[in-house]
Amino acid sequence: MSARVVVADDESIIRMDLTECLAAAGYSVVGQASDGQTALALIQTELPDVAILDVKMPLLDGIE
């Protein structure tokens, strides 16, 4: 079973590239978000093994 990952970045091209790279490496990307609040909601509902968060995003940053 592959690790489940949520990817959050406000830059769509970065999200897309990360998602493609992770999928090619065998990871299961279970959610993508363009802001911190959406990322938090995805993390709470999807319960991923790993969350990759951009440090500076709208509404809630990756550090918060």
Protein backbone atom coordinates (compact mmCIF):
# COMPACT_ATOMS: atom_id res chain seq x y z
CA MET A 1 0.00 0.00 0.00
CA SER A 2 1.40 3.40 -0.98
CA ALA A 3 1.59 6.38 1.32
CA ARG A 4 -1.33 8.80 1.07
CA VAL A 5 -0.32 12.42 0.44
CA VAL A 6 -2.02 15.84 0.44
CA VAL A 7 -0.28 18.56 -1.59
CA ALA A 8 -0.93 22.24 -0.85
CA ASP A 9 0.55 25.14 -2.78
CA ASP A 10 -1.00 28.35 -4.09
CA GLU A 11 0.92 27.96 -7.37
CA SER A 12 -1.03 25.56 -9.57
CA ILE A 13 2.01 24.54 -11.66
CA ILE A 14 3.92 23.56 -8.50
CA ARG A 15 0.94 21.51 -7.25
CA MET A 16 0.64 19.78 -10.61
CA ASP A 17 4.37 18.99 -10.82
CA LEU A 18 4.51 17.68 -7.24
CA THR A 19 1.42 15.55 -7.81
CA GLU A 20 2.83 14.06 -11.01
CA CYS A 21 6.22 13.33 -9.41
CA LEU A 22 4.63 11.73 -6.36
CA ALA A 23 2.27 9.60 -8.46
CA ALA A 24 5.18 8.48 -10.67
CA ALA A 25 7.07 7.47 -7.51
CA GLY A 26 4.13 5.33 -6.38
CA TYR A 27 2.49 7.64 -3.86
CA SER A 28 -1.25 8.14 -3.72
CA VAL A 29 -2.14 11.86 -3.83
CA VAL A 30 -5.51 12.00 -2.06
CA GLY A 31 -6.00 15.77 -2.17
CA GLN A 32 -4.72 19.07 -3.49
CA ALA A 33 -5.30 22.56 -2.12
CA SER A 34 -4.46 26.11 -3.15
CA ASP A 35 -4.82 27.64 0.31
CA GLY A 36 -4.19 26.67 3.90
CA GLN A 37 -7.82 26.39 5.01
CA THR A 38 -8.65 23.95 2.23
CA ALA A 39 -5.48 22.01 3.01
CA LEU A 40 -6.47 21.72 6.67
CA ALA A 41 -9.96 20.50 5.73
CA LEU A 42 -8.46 17.88 3.38
CA ILE A 43 -6.04 16.71 6.04
CA GLN A 44 -8.85 16.35 8.57
CA THR A 45 -11.08 14.38 6.19
CA GLU A 46 -8.54 12.34 4.20
CA LEU A 47 -6.11 11.61 7.08
CA PRO A 48 -3.03 11.38 4.83
CA ASP A 49 0.25 9.84 5.90
CA VAL A 50 2.08 12.95 4.65
CA ALA A 51 1.12 16.54 3.87
CA ILE A 52 3.38 18.69 1.69
CA LEU A 53 2.57 22.31 2.46
CA ASP A 54 3.82 25.55 0.95
CA VAL A 55 5.09 27.94 3.63
CA LYS A 56 3.32 31.01 2.20
CA MET A 57 -0.30 30.44 1.14
CA PRO A 58 -3.47 32.51 1.40
CA LEU A 59 -5.82 32.23 4.41
CA LEU A 60 -3.54 29.98 6.46
CA ASP A 61 0.13 29.31 5.78
CA GLY A 62 1.91 25.96 5.88
CA ILE A 63 3.57 26.72 9.20
CA GLU A 64 0.36 27.61 11.01
